[in-house]
Protein backbone atom coordinates (compact mmCIF):
# COMPACT_ATOMS: atom_id res chain seq x y z
CA MET A 1 -3.99 71.49 -5.72
CA ALA A 2 -6.77 73.30 -7.53
CA ILE A 3 -6.90 76.85 -8.82
CA ASP A 4 -9.60 79.22 -7.58
CA PRO A 5 -11.27 80.37 -10.84
CA ILE A 6 -11.85 83.88 -9.47
CA CYS A 7 -8.55 84.96 -7.89
CA LYS A 8 -6.31 82.21 -9.37
CA MET A 9 -4.99 81.25 -5.92
CA GLU A 10 -3.95 77.62 -5.34
CA VAL A 11 -6.23 75.79 -2.92
CA ASP A 12 -5.89 72.31 -1.43
CA GLU A 13 -8.87 70.19 -2.49
CA ALA A 14 -8.51 68.04 0.64
CA SER A 15 -8.95 70.91 3.10
CA VAL A 16 -10.79 73.64 1.19
CA LYS A 17 -14.01 74.92 2.84
CA PHE A 18 -15.71 76.44 -0.20
CA THR A 19 -16.76 74.47 -3.27
CA SER A 20 -19.38 74.76 -5.97
CA GLU A 21 -20.75 72.32 -8.53
CA PHE A 22 -21.41 73.55 -12.07
CA LYS A 23 -22.19 71.45 -15.15
CA GLY A 24 -20.88 68.30 -13.48
CA ASN A 25 -17.58 69.82 -12.31
CA THR A 26 -16.44 70.82 -8.85
CA TYR A 27 -14.78 74.22 -8.39
CA TYR A 28 -12.72 75.13 -5.34
CA PHE A 29 -12.45 78.57 -3.71
CA CYS A 30 -10.14 80.23 -1.21
CA ALA A 31 -12.93 82.31 0.34
CA LEU A 32 -16.69 82.71 0.47
CA GLY A 33 -16.47 85.92 -1.58
CA CYS A 34 -14.84 84.10 -4.49
CA LYS A 35 -17.47 81.37 -4.32
CA ALA A 36 -20.30 83.94 -4.31
CA GLU A 37 -18.84 85.80 -7.29
CA PHE A 38 -18.51 82.53 -9.24
CA GLU A 39 -22.06 81.42 -8.43
CA ALA A 40 -23.47 84.78 -9.54
CA ASN A 41 -22.15 84.18 -13.09
CA PRO A 42 -20.37 80.81 -13.48
CA ASP A 43 -20.31 80.87 -17.29
CA LYS A 44 -18.03 83.92 -17.10
CA TYR A 45 -15.33 81.90 -15.26
CA VAL A 46 -15.59 78.47 -16.87
């Protein structure tokens, strides 16, 4: 399980629909809104 960096929800890496790559790492999100917020300012959440 991974933790969504925006809302801190646990997400299953095997079935998650929303991911983003940043500085060589993969981040997993529960929803498109969390992914969009992360991608707007990833340094804030890393």
